[in-house]
Amino acid sequence: AWGQYMKNVYTKEDIQNVVAYGKNRYVKIMIEIDTPAHTLSIARSHPEMMPDGCFEWMANSQYKIDVDSDDCMAIDPTNDAARTMVANLLQEVAELVGEEGTHIHIGGDEVKFDCWRASEAINNIVTKRYGNTSDASFSMLQAEWTANVTGKAIIDAKKKVVLWQPTTLGPGDPAWDGKLPKDAVYMVWLNEESAAAYANSGSDVIVTTPY
């Protein structure tokens, strides 16, 4: 929860009760822990896990002026503590949903690369790894996070990965191309054409357009 409802939380007991409630009604519960973007709650509780300068960039850029604007910032994918925390959180979620929770959603949408570009430390790492600070390089940084942090945590927990499409590119999108298992489920929300493309490539798809 965030904004005026920051104090609202789900306890472990809450989650287990919801899973049990669903099981009694033949409904599978799927929890989403959205990263690397939409991480204002992490910024509030663990500001040291956010990129230096991202708050200032968001305040000054006026990238989005709506109820969601404060939640566009993205966690620092190069921060070891952040990587460990998110992986542990996903593992805990997997344990809480038990055998009934076959799928876990790892988010992946609306990453604003300028949030990461606001950090000199992240820029240096991206340049060293990928040669420059282009969008393509930051897409590879996101792909690395998905492969080695969020996706890996779900696979290690013996669950199936579900995630939002990050762009309209469909199969081959550099933000996750080649980084996910064959049974990953793609939630298409930006364009119907990519839904068909994912299906034709053999992937499972959930179509959510137009919301």
C-alpha atoms as a PDB file:
ATOM      1  CA  ALA A   1       0.000   0.000   0.000  1.00  0.00           C
ATOM      2  CA  TRP A   2       1.143   3.554  -0.584  1.00  0.00           C
ATOM      3  CA  GLY A   3       0.038   7.170  -0.385  1.00  0.00           C
ATOM      4  CA  GLN A   4      -2.468   7.894   2.339  1.00  0.00           C
ATOM      5  CA  TYR A   5      -2.883   4.154   2.903  1.00  0.00           C
ATOM      6  CA  MET A   6       0.796   3.451   3.633  1.00  0.00           C
ATOM      7  CA  LYS A   7      -0.025   1.757   6.930  1.00  0.00           C
ATOM      8  CA  ASN A   8      -2.217  -0.881   5.300  1.00  0.00           C
ATOM      9  CA  VAL A   9      -0.406  -4.204   4.993  1.00  0.00           C
ATOM     10  CA  TYR A  10      -1.124  -7.854   4.335  1.00  0.00           C
ATOM     11  CA  THR A  11       0.054 -10.073   7.164  1.00  0.00           C
ATOM     12  CA  LYS A  12       1.153 -13.646   6.570  1.00  0.00           C
ATOM     13  CA  GLU A  13      -2.100 -14.776   8.155  1.00  0.00           C
ATOM     14  CA  ASP A  14      -4.090 -12.523   5.790  1.00  0.00           C
ATOM     15  CA  ILE A  15      -2.454 -14.107   2.759  1.00  0.00           C
ATOM     16  CA  GLN A  16      -2.972 -17.643   4.015  1.00  0.00           C
ATOM     17  CA  ASN A  17      -6.638 -16.869   4.746  1.00  0.00           C
ATOM     18  CA  VAL A  18      -7.171 -15.489   1.225  1.00  0.00           C
ATOM     19  CA  VAL A  19      -5.531 -18.566  -0.310  1.00  0.00           C
ATOM     20  CA  ALA A  20      -7.757 -20.836   1.789  1.00  0.00           C
ATOM     21  CA  TYR A  21     -10.836 -18.776   0.874  1.00  0.00           C
ATOM     22  CA  GLY A  22     -10.005 -19.178  -2.793  1.00  0.00           C
ATOM     23  CA  LYS A  23      -9.331 -22.902  -2.493  1.00  0.00           C
ATOM     24  CA  ASN A  24     -12.774 -23.471  -0.990  1.00  0.00           C
ATOM     25  CA  ARG A  25     -14.277 -21.773  -4.055  1.00  0.00           C
ATOM     26  CA  TYR A  26     -11.996 -23.372  -6.693  1.00  0.00           C
ATOM     27  CA  VAL A  27     -10.181 -20.082  -7.285  1.00  0.00           C
ATOM     28  CA  LYS A  28      -6.398 -19.925  -7.539  1.00  0.00           C
ATOM     29  CA  ILE A  29      -4.808 -16.910  -5.867  1.00  0.00           C
ATOM     30  CA  MET A  30      -1.975 -15.200  -7.751  1.00  0.00           C
ATOM     31  CA  ILE A  31       0.074 -12.595  -5.906  1.00  0.00           C
ATOM     32  CA  GLU A  32       1.959  -9.892  -7.800  1.00  0.00           C
ATOM     33  CA  ILE A  33       5.148  -8.348  -6.447  1.00  0.00           C
ATOM     34  CA  ASP A  34       5.883  -5.745  -9.115  1.00  0.00           C
ATOM     35  CA  THR A  35       9.521  -4.828  -9.693  1.00  0.00           C
ATOM     36  CA  PRO A  36      11.749  -3.198 -10.745  1.00  0.00           C
ATOM     37  CA  ALA A  37       9.290  -0.302 -11.247  1.00  0.00           C
ATOM     38  CA  HIS A  38       6.264   0.568  -9.085  1.00  0.00           C
ATOM     39  CA  THR A  39       8.390   0.297  -5.988  1.00  0.00           C
ATOM     40  CA  LEU A  40       7.408   3.374  -3.988  1.00  0.00           C
ATOM     41  CA  SER A  41       6.609   1.166  -0.983  1.00  0.00           C
ATOM     42  CA  ILE A  42      10.206  -0.095  -1.066  1.00  0.00           C
ATOM     43  CA  ALA A  43      11.438   3.482  -1.465  1.00  0.00           C
ATOM     44  CA  ARG A  44       9.533   4.419   1.700  1.00  0.00           C
ATOM     45  CA  SER A  45      10.807   1.500   3.763  1.00  0.00           C
ATOM     46  CA  HIS A  46      14.265   1.048   2.203  1.00  0.00           C
ATOM     47  CA  PRO A  47      15.358   4.312   0.539  1.00  0.00           C
ATOM     48  CA  GLU A  48      18.915   2.983   0.386  1.00  0.00           C
ATOM     49  CA  MET A  49      17.723   0.465  -2.227  1.00  0.00           C
ATOM     50  CA  MET A  50      16.619   3.156  -4.668  1.00  0.00           C
ATOM     51  CA  PRO A  51      18.821   4.875  -7.285  1.00  0.00           C
ATOM     52  CA  ASP A  52      20.475   8.096  -6.207  1.00  0.00           C
ATOM     53  CA  GLY A  53      18.621  10.919  -7.938  1.00  0.00           C
ATOM     54  CA  CYS A  54      15.460   9.039  -8.868  1.00  0.00           C
ATOM     55  CA  PHE A  55      13.270  10.953  -6.431  1.00  0.00           C
ATOM     56  CA  GLU A  56      14.602  14.242  -7.811  1.00  0.00           C
ATOM     57  CA  TRP A  57      14.100  13.077 -11.398  1.00  0.00           C
ATOM     58  CA  MET A  58      10.499  12.132 -10.688  1.00  0.00           C
ATOM     59  CA  ALA A  59       9.820  15.420  -8.948  1.00  0.00           C
ATOM     60  CA  ASN A  60      11.265  17.499 -11.774  1.00  0.00           C
ATOM     61  CA  SER A  61      10.419  15.530 -14.906  1.00  0.00           C
ATOM     62  CA  GLN A  62       6.606  15.703 -14.745  1.00  0.00           C
ATOM     63  CA  TYR A  63       6.746  12.445 -16.672  1.00  0.00           C
ATOM     64  CA  LYS A  64       3.284  11.429 -15.484  1.00  0.00           C
ATOM     65  CA  ILE A  65       0.717  13.636 -13.881  1.00  0.00           C
ATOM     66  CA  ASP A  66      -1.893  11.342 -12.412  1.00  0.00           C
ATOM     67  CA  VAL A  67      -2.553   9.237  -9.332  1.00  0.00           C
ATOM     68  CA  ASP A  68       0.184   6.792 -10.367  1.00  0.00           C
ATOM     69  CA  SER A  69       2.966   9.326 -10.876  1.00  0.00           C
ATOM     70  CA  ASP A  70       4.635   8.841  -7.495  1.00  0.00           C
ATOM     71  CA  ASP A  71       4.925   5.111  -8.136  1.00  0.00           C
ATOM     72  CA  CYS A  72       6.913   5.239 -11.389  1.00  0.00           C
ATOM     73  CA  MET A  73      10.312   5.066  -9.715  1.00  0.00           C
ATOM     74  CA  ALA A  74      12.321   1.864 -10.048  1.00  0.00           C
ATOM     75  CA  ILE A  75      14.427   0.005  -7.505  1.00  0.00           C
ATOM     76  CA  ASP A  76      18.197  -0.074  -8.083  1.00  0.00           C
ATOM     77  CA  PRO A  77      18.786  -3.401  -9.895  1.00  0.00           C
ATOM     78  CA  THR A  78      22.530  -3.233  -9.181  1.00  0.00           C
ATOM     79  CA  ASN A  79      22.082  -2.949  -5.407  1.00  0.00           C
ATOM     80  CA  ASP A  80      23.014  -6.256  -3.747  1.00  0.00           C
ATOM     81  CA  ALA A  81      20.776  -5.629  -0.735  1.00  0.00           C
ATOM     82  CA  ALA A  82      17.808  -4.898  -3.010  1.00  0.00           C
ATOM     83  CA  ARG A  83      18.432  -8.044  -5.032  1.00  0.00           C
ATOM     84  CA  THR A  84      18.558 -10.167  -1.894  1.00  0.00           C
ATOM     85  CA  MET A  85      15.495  -8.543  -0.340  1.00  0.00           C
ATOM     86  CA  VAL A  86      13.289  -8.973  -3.427  1.00  0.00           C
ATOM     87  CA  ALA A  87      14.410 -12.568  -3.958  1.00  0.00           C
ATOM     88  CA  ASN A  88      13.668 -13.377  -0.310  1.00  0.00           C
ATOM     89  CA  LEU A  89      10.290 -11.630  -0.515  1.00  0.00           C
ATOM     90  CA  LEU A  90       9.264 -13.677  -3.546  1.00  0.00           C
ATOM     91  CA  GLN A  91      10.443 -16.866  -1.847  1.00  0.00           C
ATOM     92  CA  GLU A  92       8.337 -15.993   1.203  1.00  0.00           C
ATOM     93  CA  VAL A  93       5.293 -15.327  -0.983  1.00  0.00           C
ATOM     94  CA  ALA A  94       5.793 -18.692  -2.684  1.00  0.00           C
ATOM     95  CA  GLU A  95       5.838 -20.398   0.696  1.00  0.00           C
ATOM     96  CA  LEU A  96       2.727 -18.563   1.887  1.00  0.00           C
ATOM     97  CA  VAL A  97       0.604 -19.512  -1.136  1.00  0.00           C
ATOM     98  CA  GLY A  98       1.731 -23.126  -0.850  1.00  0.00           C
ATOM     99  CA  GLU A  99       0.783 -25.759  -3.404  1.00  0.00           C
ATOM    100  CA  GLU A 100      -2.406 -23.868  -4.256  1.00  0.00           C
ATOM    101  CA  GLY A 101      -0.457 -20.911  -5.627  1.00  0.00           C
ATOM    102  CA  THR A 102       0.956 -22.316  -8.853  1.00  0.00           C
ATOM    103  CA  HIS A 103       1.714 -18.915 -10.445  1.00  0.00           C
ATOM    104  CA  ILE A 104       3.386 -15.770  -9.077  1.00  0.00           C
ATOM    105  CA  HIS A 105       3.411 -12.417 -10.887  1.00  0.00           C
ATOM    106  CA  ILE A 106       6.723 -10.546 -11.008  1.00  0.00           C
ATOM    107  CA  GLY A 107       5.469  -7.328 -12.661  1.00  0.00           C
ATOM    108  CA  GLY A 108       8.034  -5.902 -15.075  1.00  0.00           C
ATOM    109  CA  ASP A 109       6.008  -3.046 -16.570  1.00  0.00           C
ATOM    110  CA  GLU A 110       6.519   0.712 -16.875  1.00  0.00           C
ATOM    111  CA  VAL A 111      10.213   0.881 -16.054  1.00  0.00           C
ATOM    112  CA  LYS A 112      11.355   4.461 -16.581  1.00  0.00           C
ATOM    113  CA  PHE A 113      15.003   4.197 -17.601  1.00  0.00           C
ATOM    114  CA  ASP A 114      15.537   7.882 -16.805  1.00  0.00           C
ATOM    115  CA  CYS A 115      15.046   6.968 -13.152  1.00  0.00           C
ATOM    116  CA  TRP A 116      18.115   4.737 -13.434  1.00  0.00           C
ATOM    117  CA  ARG A 117      19.955   7.294 -15.565  1.00  0.00           C
ATOM    118  CA  ALA A 118      19.644   9.716 -12.658  1.00  0.00           C
ATOM    119  CA  SER A 119      22.198   7.573 -10.816  1.00  0.00           C
ATOM    120  CA  GLU A 120      25.851   8.036 -11.732  1.00  0.00           C
ATOM    121  CA  ALA A 121      26.664   4.671 -10.149  1.00  0.00           C
ATOM    122  CA  ILE A 122      24.110   2.818 -12.298  1.00  0.00           C
ATOM    123  CA  ASN A 123      25.267   4.664 -15.432  1.00  0.00           C
ATOM    124  CA  ASN A 124      28.834   3.552 -14.758  1.00  0.00           C
ATOM    125  CA  ILE A 125      27.803  -0.070 -14.304  1.00  0.00           C
ATOM    126  CA  VAL A 126      25.623  -0.096 -17.429  1.00  0.00           C
ATOM    127  CA  THR A 127      28.379   1.495 -19.509  1.00  0.00           C
ATOM    128  CA  LYS A 128      30.911  -1.038 -18.250  1.00  0.00           C
ATOM    129  CA  ARG A 129      28.599  -3.994 -18.912  1.00  0.00           C
ATOM    130  CA  TYR A 130      26.835  -2.971 -22.099  1.00  0.00           C
ATOM    131  CA  GLY A 131      28.959  -0.229 -23.667  1.00  0.00           C
ATOM    132  CA  ASN A 132      26.688   2.807 -23.286  1.00  0.00           C
ATOM    133  CA  THR A 133      23.579   4.176 -21.540  1.00  0.00           C
ATOM    134  CA  SER A 134      21.100   3.724 -24.380  1.00  0.00           C
ATOM    135  CA  ASP A 135      17.600   2.359 -23.861  1.00  0.00           C
ATOM    136  CA  ALA A 136      18.838  -0.932 -25.309  1.00  0.00           C
ATOM    137  CA  SER A 137      21.495  -1.146 -22.603  1.00  0.00           C
ATOM    138  CA  PHE A 138      18.991  -0.394 -19.857  1.00  0.00           C
ATOM    139  CA  SER A 139      16.673  -3.036 -21.341  1.00  0.00           C
ATOM    140  CA  MET A 140      19.483  -5.536 -20.871  1.00  0.00           C
ATOM    141  CA  LEU A 141      19.873  -4.359 -17.283  1.00  0.00           C
ATOM    142  CA  GLN A 142      16.181  -5.033 -16.713  1.00  0.00           C
ATOM    143  CA  ALA A 143      16.526  -8.422 -18.403  1.00  0.00           C
ATOM    144  CA  GLU A 144      19.385  -9.307 -16.049  1.00  0.00           C
ATOM    145  CA  TRP A 145      17.217  -8.395 -13.050  1.00  0.00           C
ATOM    146  CA  THR A 146      14.369 -10.539 -14.370  1.00  0.00           C
ATOM    147  CA  ALA A 147      16.595 -13.509 -15.100  1.00  0.00           C
ATOM    148  CA  ASN A 148      18.744 -13.528 -11.981  1.00  0.00           C
ATOM    149  CA  VAL A 149      16.504 -12.018  -9.294  1.00  0.00           C
ATOM    150  CA  THR A 150      12.741 -12.184  -9.791  1.00  0.00           C
ATOM    151  CA  GLY A 151      12.415 -14.904 -12.405  1.00  0.00           C
ATOM    152  CA  LYS A 152      15.039 -17.049 -10.710  1.00  0.00           C
ATOM    153  CA  ALA A 153      13.308 -16.754  -7.334  1.00  0.00           C
ATOM    154  CA  ILE A 154      10.024 -18.000  -8.798  1.00  0.00           C
ATOM    155  CA  ILE A 155      11.663 -20.831 -10.731  1.00  0.00           C
ATOM    156  CA  ASP A 156      13.633 -21.886  -7.640  1.00  0.00           C
ATOM    157  CA  ALA A 157      10.345 -21.959  -5.710  1.00  0.00           C
ATOM    158  CA  LYS A 158       8.903 -24.351  -8.338  1.00  0.00           C
ATOM    159  CA  LYS A 159       6.265 -21.823  -9.411  1.00  0.00           C
ATOM    160  CA  LYS A 160       5.359 -20.474 -12.840  1.00  0.00           C
ATOM    161  CA  VAL A 161       6.350 -16.934 -13.766  1.00  0.00           C
ATOM    162  CA  VAL A 162       3.707 -14.401 -14.832  1.00  0.00           C
ATOM    163  CA  LEU A 163       4.659 -10.881 -15.940  1.00  0.00           C
ATOM    164  CA  TRP A 164       3.442  -7.798 -17.778  1.00  0.00           C
ATOM    165  CA  GLN A 165       4.741  -7.031 -21.256  1.00  0.00           C
ATOM    166  CA  PRO A 166       7.180  -4.104 -20.825  1.00  0.00           C
ATOM    167  CA  THR A 167       6.688  -2.710 -24.359  1.00  0.00           C
ATOM    168  CA  THR A 168       4.630  -3.411 -27.496  1.00  0.00           C
ATOM    169  CA  LEU A 169       7.430  -5.428 -29.106  1.00  0.00           C
ATOM    170  CA  GLY A 170       6.117  -8.857 -28.130  1.00  0.00           C
ATOM    171  CA  PRO A 171       8.420 -11.899 -28.460  1.00  0.00           C
ATOM    172  CA  GLY A 172      12.032 -10.801 -28.620  1.00  0.00           C
ATOM    173  CA  ASP A 173      11.507  -7.810 -26.343  1.00  0.00           C
ATOM    174  CA  PRO A 174      15.011  -7.124 -24.975  1.00  0.00           C
ATOM    175  CA  ALA A 175      13.658  -6.552 -21.463  1.00  0.00           C
ATOM    176  CA  TRP A 176      13.205 -10.307 -21.128  1.00  0.00           C
ATOM    177  CA  ASP A 177      14.193 -12.000 -24.384  1.00  0.00           C
ATOM    178  CA  GLY A 178      15.726 -15.370 -23.616  1.00  0.00           C
ATOM    179  CA  LYS A 179      15.602 -14.761 -19.872  1.00  0.00           C
ATOM    180  CA  LEU A 180      12.452 -16.689 -18.934  1.00  0.00           C
ATOM    181  CA  PRO A 181      11.337 -20.331 -19.023  1.00  0.00           C
ATOM    182  CA  LYS A 182       9.117 -21.635 -21.807  1.00  0.00           C
ATOM    183  CA  ASP A 183       6.115 -21.855 -19.468  1.00  0.00           C
ATOM    184  CA  ALA A 184       6.200 -18.155 -18.498  1.00  0.00           C
ATOM    185  CA  VAL A 185       2.825 -16.439 -18.888  1.00  0.00           C
ATOM    186  CA  TYR A 186       2.716 -13.041 -20.588  1.00  0.00           C
ATOM    187  CA  MET A 187       0.031 -10.550 -19.582  1.00  0.00           C
ATOM    188  CA  VAL A 188      -0.568  -8.319 -22.607  1.00  0.00           C
ATOM    189  CA  TRP A 189      -1.950  -4.885 -21.777  1.00  0.00           C
ATOM    190  CA  LEU A 190      -0.481  -2.517 -24.372  1.00  0.00           C
ATOM    191  CA  ASN A 191      -1.609  -3.928 -27.727  1.00  0.00           C
ATOM    192  CA  GLU A 192      -3.559  -6.899 -29.030  1.00  0.00           C
ATOM    193  CA  GLU A 193      -1.057  -7.608 -31.823  1.00  0.00           C
ATOM    194  CA  SER A 194       1.604  -8.740 -29.391  1.00  0.00           C
ATOM    195  CA  ALA A 195      -0.909 -11.099 -27.744  1.00  0.00           C
ATOM    196  CA  ALA A 196      -1.241 -12.966 -31.040  1.00  0.00           C
ATOM    197  CA  ALA A 197       2.532 -12.888 -31.499  1.00  0.00           C
ATOM    198  CA  TYR A 198       3.159 -14.417 -28.074  1.00  0.00           C
ATOM    199  CA  ALA A 199       0.540 -17.099 -28.715  1.00  0.00           C
ATOM    200  CA  ASN A 200       1.962 -17.890 -32.148  1.00  0.00           C
ATOM    201  CA  SER A 201       5.410 -18.251 -30.595  1.00  0.00           C
ATOM    202  CA  GLY A 202       4.042 -20.947 -28.278  1.00  0.00           C
ATOM    203  CA  SER A 203       3.729 -18.888 -25.082  1.00  0.00           C
ATOM    204  CA  ASP A 204       0.756 -18.740 -22.748  1.00  0.00           C
ATOM    205  CA  VAL A 205      -0.932 -15.347 -22.810  1.00  0.00           C
ATOM    206  CA  ILE A 206      -3.449 -13.466 -20.690  1.00  0.00           C
ATOM    207  CA  VAL A 207      -5.050 -10.663 -22.695  1.00  0.00           C
ATOM    208  CA  THR A 208      -5.919  -7.632 -20.559  1.00  0.00           C
ATOM    209  CA  THR A 209      -6.471  -5.031 -23.299  1.00  0.00           C
ATOM    210  CA  PRO A 210      -8.180  -2.654 -22.940  1.00  0.00           C
ATOM    211  CA  TYR A 211      -7.844  -3.277 -19.204  1.00  0.00           C
END
